[in-house]
Protein backbone atom coordinates (compact mmCIF):
# COMPACT_ATOMS: atom_id res chain seq x y z
CA UNK A 1 -8.74 -31.81 37.26
CA UNK A 2 -5.62 -30.44 35.40
CA UNK A 3 -2.28 -30.41 36.76
CA UNK A 4 -0.70 -26.95 37.71
CA UNK A 5 1.08 -27.07 34.99
CA UNK A 6 -1.38 -27.89 32.37
CA UNK A 7 -3.23 -24.87 33.72
CA UNK A 8 -0.89 -22.78 33.25
CA UNK A 9 -0.07 -24.03 29.96
CA UNK A 10 -3.11 -23.13 28.47
CA UNK A 11 -3.86 -20.05 30.04
CA UNK A 12 -0.26 -19.03 28.05
CA UNK A 13 -1.75 -20.63 24.84
CA UNK A 14 -4.52 -18.67 25.04
CA UNK A 15 -2.92 -15.52 25.60
CA UNK A 16 -0.77 -15.90 22.66
CA UNK A 17 -3.90 -16.85 20.86
CA UNK A 18 -4.77 -13.16 21.77
CA UNK A 19 -1.81 -11.81 20.90
CA UNK A 20 -2.00 -12.89 17.11
CA UNK A 21 -5.43 -12.02 16.92
CA UNK A 22 -4.38 -8.38 17.83
CA UNK A 23 -0.99 -8.35 15.37
CA UNK A 24 -3.71 -9.93 12.58
CA UNK A 25 -5.74 -6.88 12.67
CA UNK A 26 -3.29 -4.44 13.22
CA UNK A 27 -1.58 -5.80 10.03
CA UNK A 28 -4.61 -5.35 8.18
CA UNK A 29 -5.25 -1.28 9.09
CA UNK A 30 -1.35 -1.37 8.07
CA UNK A 31 -2.36 -2.57 4.44
CA UNK A 32 -5.24 -0.56 4.28
CA UNK A 33 -2.91 2.44 5.01
CA UNK A 34 -0.76 1.84 2.76
CA UNK A 35 -2.58 0.95 -0.03
CA UNK A 36 -4.51 4.68 1.02
CA UNK A 37 -1.38 5.89 0.58
CA UNK A 38 -0.30 4.42 -2.93
CA UNK A 39 -3.80 5.65 -4.38
CA UNK A 40 -3.01 9.06 -3.40
CA UNK A 41 0.05 9.14 -4.34
CA UNK A 42 -1.46 7.75 -8.07
CA UNK A 43 -4.36 10.38 -8.19
CA UNK A 44 -1.99 13.11 -7.59
CA UNK A 45 0.66 11.90 -9.80
CA UNK A 46 -2.42 11.55 -12.57
CA UNK A 47 -3.25 15.22 -11.79
CA UNK A 48 -0.26 16.74 -11.59
CA UNK A 49 0.56 15.13 -15.33
CA UNK A 50 -2.83 16.52 -16.62
CA UNK A 51 -2.12 19.50 -15.33
CA UNK A 52 1.14 20.07 -16.96
CA UNK A 53 -0.36 18.55 -20.60
CA UNK A 54 -2.61 21.62 -20.53
CA UNK A 55 0.00 23.80 -19.52
CA UNK A 56 2.16 22.79 -22.53
CA UNK A 57 -1.04 23.04 -24.68
CA UNK A 58 -1.63 26.41 -23.41
CA UNK A 59 1.64 28.36 -23.41
CA UNK A 60 3.80 25.88 -25.68
CA UNK A 61 6.88 26.61 -23.84
CA UNK A 62 7.49 22.77 -22.71
CA UNK A 63 6.90 19.56 -24.26
CA UNK A 64 3.52 17.99 -24.22
CA UNK A 65 3.53 14.64 -21.87
CA UNK A 66 4.49 12.32 -23.38
CA UNK A 67 1.36 9.41 -22.07
CA UNK A 68 2.95 6.44 -23.46
CA UNK A 69 5.59 7.07 -21.01
CA UNK A 70 3.80 8.42 -18.15
CA UNK A 71 1.86 5.10 -18.19
CA UNK A 72 4.83 3.06 -18.31
CA UNK A 73 6.30 4.83 -15.72
CA UNK A 74 3.47 4.33 -13.59
CA UNK A 75 2.97 0.53 -13.97
CA UNK A 76 6.88 0.58 -13.14
CA UNK A 77 5.94 2.13 -9.92
CA UNK A 78 2.82 -0.06 -9.01
CA UNK A 79 5.63 -3.44 -9.84
CA UNK A 80 7.95 -1.85 -7.57
CA UNK A 81 5.19 -1.07 -4.51
CA UNK A 82 3.95 -4.19 -5.47
CA UNK A 83 6.95 -6.28 -4.65
CA UNK A 84 8.17 -4.07 -1.96
CA UNK A 85 4.69 -4.17 0.35
CA UNK A 86 4.47 -7.94 -1.06
CA UNK A 87 1.35 -7.09 -3.22
CA UNK A 88 0.54 -9.57 -5.85
CA UNK A 89 -1.47 -7.63 -8.96
């Protein structure tokens, strides 16, 4: 019914379609890993900031944490990461 060249092209297109779907799935998992890593970094940073503030309050050896500055830095970090990975915040 079809010429051999047409059949070959159809098979090639189906093969490419499969590769595109696999790539989309890989990209999705890659983005999930990036999101997870960013959330872990933010969580750890918040935890460390709170611990530092507790220590500075208790021992008064270092100045207390400036939470306004901490939030500004967190916002800058999230903006830089979102720009780097093409996320829209």
